[in-house]
Amino acid sequence: LTKPVSISLTDTDRKTLDNQAKRFNLLSYQLE
């Protein structure tokens, strides 16, 4: 089972990480 952990990121790094997940989700939708 997964457990919550925390990592320290700057706001820019956090946005970059968030964007990678969004990027995959968008591309998988666009590429059907």
PDB file of all heavy atoms in Angstrom:
ATOM      1  N   LEU A   1       0.825  -1.192   0.000  1.00  0.00           N
ATOM      2  CA  LEU A   1       0.000   0.000   0.000  1.00  0.00           C
ATOM      3  C   LEU A   1       0.866   1.252   0.000  1.00  0.00           C
ATOM      4  O   LEU A   1       1.949   1.270   0.573  1.00  0.00           O
ATOM      5  CB  LEU A   1      -0.926   0.014   1.217  1.00  0.00           C
ATOM      6  CG  LEU A   1      -1.894  -1.153   1.331  1.00  0.00           C
ATOM      7  CD1 LEU A   1      -2.685  -1.054   2.622  1.00  0.00           C
ATOM      8  CD2 LEU A   1      -2.823  -1.194   0.141  1.00  0.00           C
ATOM      9  N   THR A   2       0.366   2.283  -0.639  1.00  0.00           N
ATOM     10  CA  THR A   2       1.101   3.541  -0.660  1.00  0.00           C
ATOM     11  C   THR A   2       0.854   4.301   0.633  1.00  0.00           C
ATOM     12  O   THR A   2      -0.194   4.170   1.261  1.00  0.00           O
ATOM     13  CB  THR A   2       0.671   4.416  -1.854  1.00  0.00           C
ATOM     14  OG1 THR A   2      -0.718   4.682  -1.740  1.00  0.00           O
ATOM     15  CG2 THR A   2       0.968   3.732  -3.169  1.00  0.00           C
ATOM     16  N   LYS A   3       1.844   5.087   1.020  1.00  0.00           N
ATOM     17  CA  LYS A   3       1.750   5.915   2.217  1.00  0.00           C
ATOM     18  C   LYS A   3       2.134   7.333   1.829  1.00  0.00           C
ATOM     19  O   LYS A   3       3.027   7.535   1.007  1.00  0.00           O
ATOM     20  CB  LYS A   3       2.698   5.409   3.304  1.00  0.00           C
ATOM     21  CG  LYS A   3       2.362   4.027   3.795  1.00  0.00           C
ATOM     22  CD  LYS A   3       3.348   3.561   4.833  1.00  0.00           C
ATOM     23  CE  LYS A   3       3.029   2.137   5.245  1.00  0.00           C
ATOM     24  NZ  LYS A   3       4.012   1.604   6.158  1.00  0.00           N
ATOM     25  N   PRO A   4       1.480   8.302   2.405  1.00  0.00           N
ATOM     26  CA  PRO A   4       1.822   9.680   2.063  1.00  0.00           C
ATOM     27  C   PRO A   4       3.199  10.062   2.617  1.00  0.00           C
ATOM     28  O   PRO A   4       3.538   9.729   3.746  1.00  0.00           O
ATOM     29  CB  PRO A   4       0.722  10.508   2.717  1.00  0.00           C
ATOM     30  CG  PRO A   4       0.161   9.642   3.786  1.00  0.00           C
ATOM     31  CD  PRO A   4       0.373   8.220   3.347  1.00  0.00           C
ATOM     32  N   VAL A   5       3.980  10.703   1.797  1.00  0.00           N
ATOM     33  CA  VAL A   5       5.272  11.257   2.209  1.00  0.00           C
ATOM     34  C   VAL A   5       5.354  12.673   1.656  1.00  0.00           C
ATOM     35  O   VAL A   5       4.588  13.051   0.778  1.00  0.00           O
ATOM     36  CB  VAL A   5       6.470  10.422   1.688  1.00  0.00           C
ATOM     37  CG1 VAL A   5       6.458   9.026   2.275  1.00  0.00           C
ATOM     38  CG2 VAL A   5       6.481  10.369   0.184  1.00  0.00           C
ATOM     39  N   SER A   6       6.268  13.423   2.166  1.00  0.00           N
ATOM     40  CA  SER A   6       6.403  14.786   1.655  1.00  0.00           C
ATOM     41  C   SER A   6       7.802  14.980   1.081  1.00  0.00           C
ATOM     42  O   SER A   6       8.761  14.343   1.522  1.00  0.00           O
ATOM     43  CB  SER A   6       6.145  15.808   2.759  1.00  0.00           C
ATOM     44  OG  SER A   6       7.119  15.708   3.762  1.00  0.00           O
ATOM     45  N   ILE A   7       7.890  15.808   0.072  1.00  0.00           N
ATOM     46  CA  ILE A   7       9.171  16.199  -0.492  1.00  0.00           C
ATOM     47  C   ILE A   7       9.195  17.712  -0.546  1.00  0.00           C
ATOM     48  O   ILE A   7       8.153  18.367  -0.654  1.00  0.00           O
ATOM     49  CB  ILE A   7       9.405  15.589  -1.893  1.00  0.00           C
ATOM     50  CG1 ILE A   7       8.290  15.982  -2.862  1.00  0.00           C
ATOM     51  CG2 ILE A   7       9.536  14.088  -1.825  1.00  0.00           C
ATOM     52  CD1 ILE A   7       8.528  15.554  -4.289  1.00  0.00           C
ATOM     53  N   SER A   8      10.359  18.279  -0.450  1.00  0.00           N
ATOM     54  CA  SER A   8      10.496  19.727  -0.480  1.00  0.00           C
ATOM     55  C   SER A   8      10.807  20.173  -1.900  1.00  0.00           C
ATOM     56  O   SER A   8      11.771  19.715  -2.506  1.00  0.00           O
ATOM     57  CB  SER A   8      11.622  20.183   0.455  1.00  0.00           C
ATOM     58  OG  SER A   8      11.321  19.806   1.780  1.00  0.00           O
ATOM     59  N   LEU A   9       9.953  21.035  -2.424  1.00  0.00           N
ATOM     60  CA  LEU A   9      10.136  21.570  -3.766  1.00  0.00           C
ATOM     61  C   LEU A   9       9.856  23.067  -3.742  1.00  0.00           C
ATOM     62  O   LEU A   9       9.030  23.526  -2.955  1.00  0.00           O
ATOM     63  CB  LEU A   9       9.153  20.912  -4.754  1.00  0.00           C
ATOM     64  CG  LEU A   9       9.264  19.416  -4.977  1.00  0.00           C
ATOM     65  CD1 LEU A   9       8.091  18.938  -5.839  1.00  0.00           C
ATOM     66  CD2 LEU A   9      10.563  19.080  -5.665  1.00  0.00           C
ATOM     67  N   THR A  10      10.530  23.766  -4.620  1.00  0.00           N
ATOM     68  CA  THR A  10      10.182  25.167  -4.799  1.00  0.00           C
ATOM     69  C   THR A  10       8.861  25.214  -5.555  1.00  0.00           C
ATOM     70  O   THR A  10       8.409  24.209  -6.111  1.00  0.00           O
ATOM     71  CB  THR A  10      11.262  25.917  -5.606  1.00  0.00           C
ATOM     72  OG1 THR A  10      11.328  25.342  -6.911  1.00  0.00           O
ATOM     73  CG2 THR A  10      12.622  25.826  -4.924  1.00  0.00           C
ATOM     74  N   ASP A  11       8.237  26.367  -5.593  1.00  0.00           N
ATOM     75  CA  ASP A  11       6.984  26.488  -6.338  1.00  0.00           C
ATOM     76  C   ASP A  11       7.190  26.160  -7.811  1.00  0.00           C
ATOM     77  O   ASP A  11       6.346  25.513  -8.439  1.00  0.00           O
ATOM     78  CB  ASP A  11       6.401  27.896  -6.196  1.00  0.00           C
ATOM     79  CG  ASP A  11       5.721  28.109  -4.849  1.00  0.00           C
ATOM     80  OD1 ASP A  11       5.356  27.102  -4.212  1.00  0.00           O
ATOM     81  OD2 ASP A  11       5.559  29.275  -4.456  1.00  0.00           O
ATOM     82  N   THR A  12       8.328  26.580  -8.353  1.00  0.00           N
ATOM     83  CA  THR A  12       8.621  26.304  -9.759  1.00  0.00           C
ATOM     84  C   THR A  12       8.776  24.808  -9.992  1.00  0.00           C
ATOM     85  O   THR A  12       8.231  24.259 -10.961  1.00  0.00           O
ATOM     86  CB  THR A  12       9.896  27.046 -10.197  1.00  0.00           C
ATOM     87  OG1 THR A  12       9.734  28.426  -9.912  1.00  0.00           O
ATOM     88  CG2 THR A  12      10.193  26.834 -11.665  1.00  0.00           C
ATOM     89  N   ASP A  13       9.505  24.119  -9.097  1.00  0.00           N
ATOM     90  CA  ASP A  13       9.687  22.674  -9.230  1.00  0.00           C
ATOM     91  C   ASP A  13       8.356  21.937  -9.085  1.00  0.00           C
ATOM     92  O   ASP A  13       8.095  20.966  -9.790  1.00  0.00           O
ATOM     93  CB  ASP A  13      10.675  22.152  -8.189  1.00  0.00           C
ATOM     94  CG  ASP A  13      12.096  22.613  -8.452  1.00  0.00           C
ATOM     95  OD1 ASP A  13      12.401  22.959  -9.608  1.00  0.00           O
ATOM     96  OD2 ASP A  13      12.892  22.624  -7.498  1.00  0.00           O
ATOM     97  N   ARG A  14       7.529  22.394  -8.163  1.00  0.00           N
ATOM     98  CA  ARG A  14       6.222  21.761  -7.966  1.00  0.00           C
ATOM     99  C   ARG A  14       5.359  21.910  -9.218  1.00  0.00           C
ATOM    100  O   ARG A  14       4.717  20.962  -9.662  1.00  0.00           O
ATOM    101  CB  ARG A  14       5.499  22.372  -6.767  1.00  0.00           C
ATOM    102  CG  ARG A  14       4.176  21.684  -6.444  1.00  0.00           C
ATOM    103  CD  ARG A  14       3.411  22.402  -5.341  1.00  0.00           C
ATOM    104  NE  ARG A  14       3.224  23.815  -5.601  1.00  0.00           N
ATOM    105  CZ  ARG A  14       2.310  24.331  -6.447  1.00  0.00           C
ATOM    106  NH1 ARG A  14       1.532  23.528  -7.136  1.00  0.00           N
ATOM    107  NH2 ARG A  14       2.199  25.635  -6.606  1.00  0.00           N
ATOM    108  N   LYS A  15       5.371  23.092  -9.800  1.00  0.00           N
ATOM    109  CA  LYS A  15       4.606  23.314 -11.026  1.00  0.00           C
ATOM    110  C   LYS A  15       5.142  22.451 -12.164  1.00  0.00           C
ATOM    111  O   LYS A  15       4.369  21.908 -12.963  1.00  0.00           O
ATOM    112  CB  LYS A  15       4.645  24.787 -11.416  1.00  0.00           C
ATOM    113  CG  LYS A  15       3.803  25.659 -10.509  1.00  0.00           C
ATOM    114  CD  LYS A  15       3.919  27.123 -10.886  1.00  0.00           C
ATOM    115  CE  LYS A  15       3.176  27.998  -9.888  1.00  0.00           C
ATOM    116  NZ  LYS A  15       3.341  29.429 -10.165  1.00  0.00           N
ATOM    117  N   THR A  16       6.464  22.314 -12.236  1.00  0.00           N
ATOM    118  CA  THR A  16       7.071  21.471 -13.268  1.00  0.00           C
ATOM    119  C   THR A  16       6.624  20.022 -13.101  1.00  0.00           C
ATOM    120  O   THR A  16       6.276  19.355 -14.076  1.00  0.00           O
ATOM    121  CB  THR A  16       8.605  21.566 -13.205  1.00  0.00           C
ATOM    122  OG1 THR A  16       8.985  22.927 -13.361  1.00  0.00           O
ATOM    123  CG2 THR A  16       9.267  20.721 -14.269  1.00  0.00           C
ATOM    124  N   LEU A  17       6.620  19.540 -11.876  1.00  0.00           N
ATOM    125  CA  LEU A  17       6.171  18.173 -11.602  1.00  0.00           C
ATOM    126  C   LEU A  17       4.685  18.014 -11.937  1.00  0.00           C
ATOM    127  O   LEU A  17       4.294  17.036 -12.583  1.00  0.00           O
ATOM    128  CB  LEU A  17       6.430  17.814 -10.140  1.00  0.00           C
ATOM    129  CG  LEU A  17       6.039  16.412  -9.683  1.00  0.00           C
ATOM    130  CD1 LEU A  17       6.763  15.356 -10.498  1.00  0.00           C
ATOM    131  CD2 LEU A  17       6.324  16.250  -8.213  1.00  0.00           C
ATOM    132  N   ASP A  18       3.874  18.958 -11.523  1.00  0.00           N
ATOM    133  CA  ASP A  18       2.442  18.913 -11.851  1.00  0.00           C
ATOM    134  C   ASP A  18       2.218  18.895 -13.357  1.00  0.00           C
ATOM    135  O   ASP A  18       1.349  18.179 -13.861  1.00  0.00           O
ATOM    136  CB  ASP A  18       1.708  20.124 -11.264  1.00  0.00           C
ATOM    137  CG  ASP A  18       1.533  20.044  -9.758  1.00  0.00           C
ATOM    138  OD1 ASP A  18       1.616  18.928  -9.206  1.00  0.00           O
ATOM    139  OD2 ASP A  18       1.315  21.103  -9.135  1.00  0.00           O
ATOM    140  N   ASN A  19       3.012  19.693 -14.064  1.00  0.00           N
ATOM    141  CA  ASN A  19       2.841  19.789 -15.518  1.00  0.00           C
ATOM    142  C   ASN A  19       3.161  18.483 -16.227  1.00  0.00           C
ATOM    143  O   ASN A  19       2.599  18.200 -17.291  1.00  0.00           O
ATOM    144  CB  ASN A  19       3.696  20.919 -16.091  1.00  0.00           C
ATOM    145  CG  ASN A  19       3.138  22.282 -15.747  1.00  0.00           C
ATOM    146  OD1 ASN A  19       1.958  22.429 -15.422  1.00  0.00           O
ATOM    147  ND2 ASN A  19       3.984  23.296 -15.806  1.00  0.00           N
ATOM    148  N   GLN A  20       4.054  17.672 -15.668  1.00  0.00           N
ATOM    149  CA  GLN A  20       4.398  16.401 -16.317  1.00  0.00           C
ATOM    150  C   GLN A  20       3.212  15.443 -16.288  1.00  0.00           C
ATOM    151  O   GLN A  20       2.938  14.756 -17.277  1.00  0.00           O
ATOM    152  CB  GLN A  20       5.635  15.771 -15.671  1.00  0.00           C
ATOM    153  CG  GLN A  20       6.873  16.635 -15.730  1.00  0.00           C
ATOM    154  CD  GLN A  20       7.083  17.278 -17.089  1.00  0.00           C
ATOM    155  OE1 GLN A  20       7.134  16.597 -18.103  1.00  0.00           O
ATOM    156  NE2 GLN A  20       7.191  18.590 -17.123  1.00  0.00           N
ATOM    157  N   ALA A  21       2.521  15.406 -15.166  1.00  0.00           N
ATOM    158  CA  ALA A  21       1.330  14.552 -15.085  1.00  0.00           C
ATOM    159  C   ALA A  21       0.245  15.070 -16.019  1.00  0.00           C
ATOM    160  O   ALA A  21      -0.390  14.292 -16.748  1.00  0.00           O
ATOM    161  CB  ALA A  21       0.821  14.496 -13.644  1.00  0.00           C
ATOM    162  N   LYS A  22       0.047  16.369 -16.029  1.00  0.00           N
ATOM    163  CA  LYS A  22      -0.957  16.973 -16.915  1.00  0.00           C
ATOM    164  C   LYS A  22      -0.584  16.737 -18.381  1.00  0.00           C
ATOM    165  O   LYS A  22      -1.452  16.478 -19.218  1.00  0.00           O
ATOM    166  CB  LYS A  22      -1.081  18.465 -16.644  1.00  0.00           C
ATOM    167  CG  LYS A  22      -1.707  18.774 -15.310  1.00  0.00           C
ATOM    168  CD  LYS A  22      -1.716  20.271 -15.047  1.00  0.00           C
ATOM    169  CE  LYS A  22      -2.225  20.578 -13.660  1.00  0.00           C
ATOM    170  NZ  LYS A  22      -2.144  22.014 -13.354  1.00  0.00           N
ATOM    171  N   ARG A  23       0.700  16.818 -18.653  1.00  0.00           N
ATOM    172  CA  ARG A  23       1.189  16.602 -20.018  1.00  0.00           C
ATOM    173  C   ARG A  23       0.849  15.200 -20.505  1.00  0.00           C
ATOM    174  O   ARG A  23       0.350  15.005 -21.607  1.00  0.00           O
ATOM    175  CB  ARG A  23       2.696  16.840 -20.035  1.00  0.00           C
ATOM    176  CG  ARG A  23       3.375  16.626 -21.347  1.00  0.00           C
ATOM    177  CD  ARG A  23       4.848  16.865 -21.154  1.00  0.00           C
ATOM    178  NE  ARG A  23       5.610  16.564 -22.335  1.00  0.00           N
ATOM    179  CZ  ARG A  23       6.921  16.436 -22.350  1.00  0.00           C
ATOM    180  NH1 ARG A  23       7.624  16.602 -21.245  1.00  0.00           N
ATOM    181  NH2 ARG A  23       7.545  16.156 -23.460  1.00  0.00           N
ATOM    182  N   PHE A  24       1.140  14.205 -19.664  1.00  0.00           N
ATOM    183  CA  PHE A  24       0.823  12.823 -20.044  1.00  0.00           C
ATOM    184  C   PHE A  24      -0.674  12.653 -20.251  1.00  0.00           C
ATOM    185  O   PHE A  24      -1.110  12.029 -21.222  1.00  0.00           O
ATOM    186  CB  PHE A  24       1.310  11.826 -18.986  1.00  0.00           C
ATOM    187  CG  PHE A  24       0.850  10.434 -19.283  1.00  0.00           C
ATOM    188  CD1 PHE A  24       1.546   9.645 -20.183  1.00  0.00           C
ATOM    189  CD2 PHE A  24      -0.298   9.917 -18.702  1.00  0.00           C
ATOM    190  CE1 PHE A  24       1.106   8.364 -20.493  1.00  0.00           C
ATOM    191  CE2 PHE A  24      -0.743   8.646 -19.010  1.00  0.00           C
ATOM    192  CZ  PHE A  24      -0.034   7.872 -19.904  1.00  0.00           C
ATOM    193  N   ASN A  25      -1.465  13.161 -19.320  1.00  0.00           N
ATOM    194  CA  ASN A  25      -2.916  12.999 -19.417  1.00  0.00           C
ATOM    195  C   ASN A  25      -3.461  13.655 -20.685  1.00  0.00           C
ATOM    196  O   ASN A  25      -4.327  13.092 -21.357  1.00  0.00           O
ATOM    197  CB  ASN A  25      -3.593  13.558 -18.170  1.00  0.00           C
ATOM    198  CG  ASN A  25      -3.232  12.776 -16.925  1.00  0.00           C
ATOM    199  OD1 ASN A  25      -2.925  11.588 -16.999  1.00  0.00           O
ATOM    200  ND2 ASN A  25      -3.242  13.436 -15.791  1.00  0.00           N
ATOM    201  N   LEU A  26      -2.932  14.830 -21.032  1.00  0.00           N
ATOM    202  CA  LEU A  26      -3.367  15.517 -22.239  1.00  0.00           C
ATOM    203  C   LEU A  26      -2.954  14.736 -23.488  1.00  0.00           C
ATOM    204  O   LEU A  26      -3.756  14.516 -24.395  1.00  0.00           O
ATOM    205  CB  LEU A  26      -2.795  16.933 -22.295  1.00  0.00           C
ATOM    206  CG  LEU A  26      -3.118  17.736 -23.546  1.00  0.00           C
ATOM    207  CD1 LEU A  26      -4.604  18.064 -23.596  1.00  0.00           C
ATOM    208  CD2 LEU A  26      -2.292  19.002 -23.592  1.00  0.00           C
ATOM    209  N   LEU A  27      -1.697  14.294 -23.532  1.00  0.00           N
ATOM    210  CA  LEU A  27      -1.214  13.549 -24.694  1.00  0.00           C
ATOM    211  C   LEU A  27      -1.938  12.222 -24.866  1.00  0.00           C
ATOM    212  O   LEU A  27      -2.257  11.825 -25.989  1.00  0.00           O
ATOM    213  CB  LEU A  27       0.293  13.314 -24.595  1.00  0.00           C
ATOM    214  CG  LEU A  27       1.162  14.553 -24.776  1.00  0.00           C
ATOM    215  CD1 LEU A  27       2.621  14.237 -24.460  1.00  0.00           C
ATOM    216  CD2 LEU A  27       1.025  15.095 -26.188  1.00  0.00           C
ATOM    217  N   SER A  28      -2.209  11.532 -23.785  1.00  0.00           N
ATOM    218  CA  SER A  28      -2.921  10.257 -23.904  1.00  0.00           C
ATOM    219  C   SER A  28      -4.340  10.486 -24.417  1.00  0.00           C
ATOM    220  O   SER A  28      -4.878   9.665 -25.151  1.00  0.00           O
ATOM    221  CB  SER A  28      -2.941   9.501 -22.579  1.00  0.00           C
ATOM    222  OG  SER A  28      -3.702  10.195 -21.623  1.00  0.00           O
ATOM    223  N   TYR A  29      -4.935  11.609 -24.050  1.00  0.00           N
ATOM    224  CA  TYR A  29      -6.266  11.939 -24.570  1.00  0.00           C
ATOM    225  C   TYR A  29      -6.190  12.313 -26.050  1.00  0.00           C
ATOM    226  O   TYR A  29      -6.978  11.838 -26.866  1.00  0.00           O
ATOM    227  CB  TYR A  29      -6.876  13.082 -23.762  1.00  0.00           C
ATOM    228  CG  TYR A  29      -8.208  13.557 -24.289  1.00  0.00           C
ATOM    229  CD1 TYR A  29      -9.359  12.821 -24.066  1.00  0.00           C
ATOM    230  CD2 TYR A  29      -8.301  14.741 -25.017  1.00  0.00           C
ATOM    231  CE1 TYR A  29     -10.580  13.246 -24.563  1.00  0.00           C
ATOM    232  CE2 TYR A  29      -9.517  15.171 -25.510  1.00  0.00           C
ATOM    233  CZ  TYR A  29     -10.654  14.425 -25.275  1.00  0.00           C
ATOM    234  OH  TYR A  29     -11.856  14.846 -25.778  1.00  0.00           O
ATOM    235  N   GLN A  30      -5.212  13.157 -26.392  1.00  0.00           N
ATOM    236  CA  GLN A  30      -5.089  13.616 -27.780  1.00  0.00           C
ATOM    237  C   GLN A  30      -4.732  12.481 -28.737  1.00  0.00           C
ATOM    238  O   GLN A  30      -5.211  12.429 -29.856  1.00  0.00           O
ATOM    239  CB  GLN A  30      -4.044  14.726 -27.893  1.00  0.00           C
ATOM    240  CG  GLN A  30      -4.507  16.047 -27.342  1.00  0.00           C
ATOM    241  CD  GLN A  30      -3.419  17.109 -27.417  1.00  0.00           C
ATOM    242  OE1 GLN A  30      -2.239  16.799 -27.580  1.00  0.00           O
ATOM    243  NE2 GLN A  30      -3.818  18.366 -27.272  1.00  0.00           N
ATOM    244  N   LEU A  31      -3.875  11.588 -28.270  1.00  0.00           N
ATOM    245  CA  LEU A  31      -3.453  10.465 -29.112  1.00  0.00           C
ATOM    246  C   LEU A  31      -4.439   9.305 -29.048  1.00  0.00           C
ATOM    247  O   LEU A  31      -4.203   8.263 -29.663  1.00  0.00           O
ATOM    248  CB  LEU A  31      -2.056   9.992 -28.698  1.00  0.00           C
ATOM    249  CG  LEU A  31      -0.942  11.030 -28.842  1.00  0.00           C
ATOM    250  CD1 LEU A  31       0.355  10.508 -28.243  1.00  0.00           C
ATOM    251  CD2 LEU A  31      -0.746  11.408 -30.300  1.00  0.00           C
ATOM    252  N   GLU A  32      -5.506   9.494 -28.283  1.00  0.00           N
ATOM    253  CA  GLU A  32      -6.554   8.495 -28.118  1.00  0.00           C
ATOM    254  C   GLU A  32      -6.000   7.150 -27.650  1.00  0.00           C
ATOM    255  O   GLU A  32      -6.382   6.088 -28.132  1.00  0.00           O
ATOM    256  CB  GLU A  32      -7.366   8.344 -29.407  1.00  0.00           C
ATOM    257  CG  GLU A  32      -8.099   9.601 -29.800  1.00  0.00           C
ATOM    258  CD  GLU A  32      -8.881   9.465 -31.100  1.00  0.00           C
ATOM    259  OE1 GLU A  32      -8.897   8.365 -31.685  1.00  0.00           O
ATOM    260  OE2 GLU A  32      -9.468  10.468 -31.512  1.00  0.00           O
TER     261      GLU A  32
END
